[in-house]
Amino acid sequence: MTSTMGRRSIWVALLVISLLFSLRPQRVSSTLPLQSLNQDSKDSATESAPKQDWNDAREVHCSRERSRAAWKIIEEYLMPFVDKKKHKISTECRLHPDNDMFRDQEQHKTHLDFNDWKCGYCRKRFYEEKYLDQHFDNRHYDLLNVSRNKCMADLCGALHCDHVMDSVSQKKSKCNPAATARNKHMCEALADSCFPINQGVASHLHEFFLRQFCDAHTCSGKPKPFSRGRQVRTSWSYVVISVLTILIVLFFYVFVYLYKRGMRTRPQVLKRLSESGRKKKPS
């Protein structure tokens, strides 16, 4: 009886020991899911940040395309005349570059080729500009200046963006007197705030701005927008490339001219050498 009890106790002890050993890997493995869960939660937290940025970016109701059109108009139809007068626009003026939330991103675009655009922040390349714009919205949204009055597209009504972006639809659409009056009022307010009448050179630019932009806000169709013309500012890189191109073409034509001249004189020289050689032969 005691032997059977001893055997049972031994079996029970072995069973308990086996259970203890079987529980140890379970405890180790049970910590792994917790660590991976914590890691997953951290990863999900880091991944949620861009999504949150994207949601914030969608809340910014400012058209990048129309802002780009407005800035193009300012660069071509206003700033060359302002620079000619050696006048500096105040940062309080809505037309100042600092008041464009997309300005820094636009300056970090590089158009390498017809279908080759590069991001100046991370050097990624894209086939079209619209994909680069989407990249800015998704990856570099934190670089936008989303403070108040930074949307250049809000000035499109005063600056005639539709005339530049889609002239065909602009011609077909009927003139709305109420909208035209609002755009003219906005245009005149820009002239008053950016070019005060009582500040010397600014007064001349005030008059210029009215003629260039504001007078065209009428349903009569006359005068046309940008009646004072346009001036595209030439960059130094463009000047250097143009000069180098001219020099290369010039050297090419000089080389061709000298080559053809050498080909014409060569037969005469050979003829003279052959004639002189014949004279020296003994008779």
Protein backbone atom coordinates (compact mmCIF):
# COMPACT_ATOMS: atom_id res chain seq x y z
CA MET A 1 0.00 0.00 0.00
CA THR A 2 2.78 2.37 0.90
CA SER A 3 4.58 1.47 -2.32
CA THR A 4 1.55 2.34 -4.41
CA MET A 5 1.12 5.61 -2.50
CA GLY A 6 4.79 6.39 -3.09
CA ARG A 7 4.41 5.74 -6.79
CA ARG A 8 1.36 7.98 -6.96
CA SER A 9 3.18 10.76 -5.14
CA ILE A 10 6.10 10.43 -7.54
CA TRP A 11 3.75 10.61 -10.53
CA VAL A 12 2.00 13.60 -9.03
CA ALA A 13 5.34 15.34 -8.43
CA LEU A 14 6.49 14.62 -11.99
CA LEU A 15 3.17 15.90 -13.32
CA VAL A 16 3.46 19.12 -11.30
CA ILE A 17 7.06 19.63 -12.47
CA SER A 18 6.05 19.06 -16.11
CA LEU A 19 3.22 21.56 -15.70
CA LEU A 20 5.62 24.13 -14.25
CA PHE A 21 8.04 23.68 -17.17
CA SER A 22 5.16 23.89 -19.63
CA LEU A 23 3.99 27.16 -18.06
CA ARG A 24 7.39 28.89 -18.39
CA PRO A 25 7.48 29.21 -22.22
CA GLN A 26 3.87 30.32 -22.14
CA ARG A 27 4.80 33.19 -19.83
CA VAL A 28 7.67 34.18 -22.12
CA SER A 29 5.49 33.95 -25.18
CA SER A 30 2.73 35.85 -23.39
CA THR A 31 5.04 38.83 -23.03
CA LEU A 32 5.80 38.85 -26.74
CA PRO A 33 2.29 39.69 -27.87
CA LEU A 34 2.26 42.50 -25.32
CA GLN A 35 5.51 43.90 -26.71
CA SER A 36 4.32 43.53 -30.27
CA LEU A 37 1.02 45.10 -29.28
CA ASN A 38 2.84 48.04 -27.77
CA GLN A 39 5.02 48.28 -30.86
CA ASP A 40 1.96 48.11 -33.10
CA SER A 41 0.29 50.81 -31.05
CA LYS A 42 3.39 53.00 -31.43
CA ASP A 43 3.49 52.36 -35.17
CA SER A 44 -0.18 53.09 -35.50
CA ALA A 45 0.35 56.28 -33.54
CA THR A 46 3.12 57.39 -35.86
CA GLU A 47 1.06 56.46 -38.90
CA SER A 48 -1.92 58.38 -37.60
CA ALA A 49 0.06 61.63 -37.62
CA PRO A 50 0.19 61.99 -41.43
CA LYS A 51 -3.47 61.01 -41.60
CA GLN A 52 -4.24 63.74 -39.13
CA ASP A 53 -2.15 66.14 -41.19
CA TRP A 54 -4.05 65.08 -44.27
CA ASN A 55 -7.34 65.76 -42.53
CA ASP A 56 -6.05 69.17 -41.50
CA ALA A 57 -4.88 69.79 -45.06
CA ARG A 58 -8.38 69.06 -46.34
CA GLU A 59 -9.73 71.66 -43.93
CA VAL A 60 -7.62 74.36 -45.60
CA HIS A 61 -10.00 75.67 -48.23
CA CYS A 62 -7.46 77.24 -50.53
CA SER A 63 -6.95 76.22 -54.15
CA ARG A 64 -3.31 75.64 -54.95
CA GLU A 65 -3.97 75.94 -58.68
CA ARG A 66 -5.76 79.29 -58.40
CA SER A 67 -3.15 80.55 -55.95
CA ARG A 68 -0.49 79.66 -58.51
CA ALA A 69 -2.42 81.52 -61.23
CA ALA A 70 -2.77 84.59 -58.99
CA TRP A 71 0.94 84.63 -58.23
CA LYS A 72 1.80 84.22 -61.92
CA ILE A 73 -0.31 87.29 -62.70
CA ILE A 74 1.42 89.27 -59.95
CA GLU A 75 4.87 88.25 -61.21
CA GLU A 76 4.16 89.07 -64.86
CA TYR A 77 1.72 91.98 -64.77
CA LEU A 78 2.65 93.83 -61.58
CA MET A 79 6.05 93.13 -60.00
CA PRO A 80 8.22 94.16 -63.01
CA PHE A 81 6.59 97.61 -62.92
CA VAL A 82 7.00 97.78 -59.14
CA ASP A 83 10.68 96.86 -59.41
CA LYS A 84 11.15 99.45 -62.14
CA LYS A 85 9.91 102.12 -59.72
CA LYS A 86 12.22 100.64 -57.03
CA HIS A 87 9.30 100.28 -54.66
CA LYS A 88 9.06 97.58 -51.98
CA ILE A 89 5.63 96.21 -51.17
CA SER A 90 4.81 96.08 -47.48
CA THR A 91 4.21 92.73 -45.82
CA GLU A 92 0.80 94.06 -44.81
CA CYS A 93 -0.16 94.03 -48.49
CA ARG A 94 -2.02 90.90 -49.55
CA LEU A 95 0.09 90.80 -52.73
CA HIS A 96 3.33 90.28 -50.79
CA PRO A 97 4.98 86.85 -51.32
CA ASP A 98 4.90 86.14 -47.58
CA ASN A 99 1.10 86.15 -47.76
CA ASP A 100 0.98 83.09 -50.00
CA MET A 101 0.77 79.87 -47.99
CA PHE A 102 2.10 77.82 -50.94
CA ARG A 103 5.03 80.12 -51.75
CA ASP A 104 7.73 78.10 -49.96
CA GLN A 105 6.55 74.84 -51.50
CA GLU A 106 6.34 76.38 -54.96
CA GLN A 107 9.91 77.59 -54.61
CA HIS A 108 10.98 74.03 -53.77
CA LYS A 109 9.79 72.71 -57.12
CA THR A 110 12.32 71.88 -59.81
CA HIS A 111 11.14 71.31 -63.37
CA LEU A 112 13.96 69.20 -64.79
CA ASP A 113 12.32 68.12 -68.02
CA PHE A 114 8.94 67.91 -69.75
CA ASN A 115 7.81 64.97 -67.59
CA ASP A 116 10.26 65.31 -64.73
CA TRP A 117 9.48 67.28 -61.56
CA LYS A 118 11.56 67.08 -58.37
CA CYS A 119 10.68 67.88 -54.77
CA GLY A 120 13.22 70.24 -53.24
CA TYR A 121 12.64 68.89 -49.73
CA CYS A 122 13.16 65.14 -50.15
CA ARG A 123 14.43 64.94 -53.77
CA LYS A 124 11.65 62.63 -54.93
CA ARG A 125 10.74 62.90 -58.60
CA PHE A 126 7.36 62.86 -60.34
CA TYR A 127 6.03 62.71 -63.88
CA GLU A 128 3.55 65.58 -63.54
CA GLU A 129 3.25 68.69 -61.43
CA LYS A 130 -0.12 67.61 -60.02
CA TYR A 131 1.49 64.53 -58.44
CA LEU A 132 4.13 66.73 -56.87
CA ASP A 133 1.33 68.92 -55.49
CA GLN A 134 -0.29 65.83 -53.95
CA HIS A 135 3.08 64.87 -52.49
CA PHE A 136 3.33 68.30 -50.85
CA ASP A 137 -0.16 67.91 -49.40
CA ASN A 138 0.60 64.45 -47.99
CA ARG A 139 4.24 64.66 -46.87
CA HIS A 140 5.11 68.32 -46.42
CA TYR A 141 1.88 69.80 -45.17
CA ASP A 142 3.61 70.96 -41.98
CA LEU A 143 5.54 73.52 -44.05
CA LEU A 144 2.39 75.40 -45.07
CA ASN A 145 1.76 78.79 -43.54
CA VAL A 146 -1.93 78.37 -42.73
CA SER A 147 -2.37 81.57 -40.75
CA ARG A 148 -5.05 84.09 -41.63
CA ASN A 149 -5.13 85.88 -45.01
CA LYS A 150 -2.53 83.59 -46.59
CA CYS A 151 -4.67 82.23 -49.43
CA MET A 152 -3.69 83.96 -52.65
CA ALA A 153 -6.63 82.31 -54.44
CA ASP A 154 -8.97 84.64 -52.53
CA LEU A 155 -7.64 87.49 -54.69
CA CYS A 156 -8.41 85.77 -57.99
CA GLY A 157 -11.60 87.76 -58.48
CA ALA A 158 -9.68 91.03 -58.37
CA LEU A 159 -6.71 89.77 -60.42
CA HIS A 160 -8.66 88.12 -63.27
CA CYS A 161 -7.38 84.57 -62.71
CA ASP A 162 -10.15 83.08 -64.82
CA HIS A 163 -8.99 85.17 -67.77
CA VAL A 164 -5.56 83.53 -67.54
CA MET A 165 -6.57 79.99 -66.57
CA ASP A 166 -9.39 79.36 -69.04
CA SER A 167 -10.03 82.14 -71.51
CA VAL A 168 -12.50 80.04 -73.58
CA SER A 169 -15.00 79.52 -70.75
CA GLN A 170 -14.49 83.12 -69.68
CA LYS A 171 -15.68 84.33 -73.08
CA LYS A 172 -18.74 82.07 -73.07
CA SER A 173 -19.88 82.93 -69.53
CA LYS A 174 -22.27 85.81 -69.02
CA CYS A 175 -21.22 88.80 -67.01
CA ASN A 176 -22.68 88.99 -63.50
CA PRO A 177 -23.02 92.67 -62.49
CA ALA A 178 -23.09 91.90 -58.75
CA ALA A 179 -19.95 89.73 -58.90
CA THR A 180 -18.23 92.28 -61.12
CA ALA A 181 -18.98 95.05 -58.61
CA ARG A 182 -17.60 92.94 -55.74
CA ASN A 183 -14.40 92.14 -57.66
CA LYS A 184 -13.91 95.80 -58.54
CA HIS A 185 -14.36 96.82 -54.91
CA MET A 186 -11.79 94.20 -53.86
CA CYS A 187 -9.42 95.40 -56.55
CA GLU A 188 -9.68 99.03 -55.44
CA ALA A 189 -9.17 97.97 -51.81
CA LEU A 190 -5.94 96.22 -52.82
CA ALA A 191 -4.76 99.37 -54.60
CA ASP A 192 -5.49 101.49 -51.52
CA SER A 193 -3.77 99.14 -49.04
CA CYS A 194 -0.74 98.19 -51.14
CA PHE A 195 -0.05 101.53 -52.83
CA PRO A 196 -1.16 104.44 -50.63
CA ILE A 197 -1.88 107.60 -52.58
CA ASN A 198 0.03 109.88 -50.21
CA GLN A 199 3.40 108.07 -50.51
CA GLY A 200 5.18 109.44 -53.58
CA VAL A 201 6.10 106.54 -55.86
CA ALA A 202 3.29 104.44 -54.43
CA SER A 203 0.76 106.94 -55.73
CA HIS A 204 1.93 106.31 -59.32
CA LEU A 205 1.68 102.56 -58.75
CA HIS A 206 -1.78 103.09 -57.28
CA GLU A 207 -2.90 104.67 -60.54
CA PHE A 208 -1.17 101.94 -62.52
CA PHE A 209 -2.89 99.20 -60.50
CA LEU A 210 -6.31 100.72 -61.15
CA ARG A 211 -5.69 100.87 -64.90
CA GLN A 212 -4.03 97.44 -65.07
CA PHE A 213 -6.57 95.46 -63.03
CA CYS A 214 -9.58 97.39 -61.72
CA ASP A 215 -10.86 99.15 -64.83
CA ALA A 216 -11.56 95.83 -66.54
CA HIS A 217 -14.15 94.88 -63.91
CA THR A 218 -17.09 95.97 -66.00
CA CYS A 219 -19.74 94.20 -68.05
CA SER A 220 -19.15 96.45 -71.04
CA GLY A 221 -16.11 94.42 -72.11
CA LYS A 222 -13.85 97.46 -72.36
CA PRO A 223 -11.12 97.89 -71.33
CA LYS A 224 -9.57 94.43 -71.29
CA PRO A 225 -7.60 93.07 -68.30
CA PHE A 226 -3.91 93.94 -68.14
CA SER A 227 -4.27 96.91 -70.49
CA ARG A 228 -0.81 98.20 -69.53
CA GLY A 229 0.88 95.06 -70.84
CA ARG A 230 3.19 92.54 -69.23
CA GLN A 231 6.87 92.17 -68.54
CA VAL A 232 8.44 88.82 -67.73
CA ARG A 233 11.44 89.21 -65.47
CA THR A 234 14.49 87.59 -66.99
CA SER A 235 16.56 85.41 -64.70
CA TRP A 236 20.36 85.37 -64.73
CA SER A 237 20.41 81.69 -65.62
CA TYR A 238 18.37 82.41 -68.73
CA VAL A 239 20.77 85.17 -69.74
CA VAL A 240 23.84 82.95 -69.24
CA ILE A 241 22.31 80.07 -71.22
CA SER A 242 21.34 82.43 -74.04
CA VAL A 243 24.84 83.92 -74.25
CA LEU A 244 26.46 80.47 -74.24
CA THR A 245 24.11 79.28 -76.97
CA ILE A 246 24.96 82.26 -79.15
CA LEU A 247 28.72 81.70 -78.65
CA ILE A 248 28.44 78.01 -79.49
CA VAL A 249 26.52 78.76 -82.70
CA LEU A 250 29.04 81.46 -83.61
CA PHE A 251 32.03 79.14 -83.10
CA PHE A 252 30.30 76.45 -85.12
CA TYR A 253 29.82 78.72 -88.14
CA VAL A 254 33.39 80.01 -87.86
CA PHE A 255 34.67 76.42 -87.81
CA VAL A 256 32.56 75.49 -90.86
CA TYR A 257 33.76 78.58 -92.71
CA LEU A 258 37.43 77.86 -91.99
CA TYR A 259 37.00 74.21 -92.89
CA LYS A 260 35.41 75.00 -96.24
CA ARG A 261 38.06 77.64 -96.93
CA GLY A 262 40.79 75.10 -96.18
CA MET A 263 39.18 72.56 -98.51
CA ARG A 264 39.14 75.12 -101.32
CA THR A 265 42.78 76.15 -100.93
CA ARG A 266 44.07 72.60 -100.53
CA PRO A 267 43.75 71.54 -104.22
CA GLN A 268 45.62 74.69 -105.31
CA VAL A 269 48.49 73.94 -102.92
CA LEU A 270 48.69 70.34 -104.13
CA LYS A 271 48.67 71.51 -107.73
CA ARG A 272 51.55 73.92 -107.09
CA LEU A 273 53.53 71.20 -105.30
CA SER A 274 53.02 68.76 -108.15
CA GLU A 275 54.05 71.33 -110.77
CA SER A 276 57.20 72.22 -108.83
CA GLY A 277 58.04 68.52 -108.53
CA ARG A 278 57.77 68.01 -112.28
CA LYS A 279 60.15 70.89 -113.02
CA LYS A 280 62.89 69.39 -110.84
CA LYS A 281 62.89 66.03 -112.69
CA PRO A 282 65.99 65.54 -114.97
CA SER A 283 65.32 65.47 -118.73
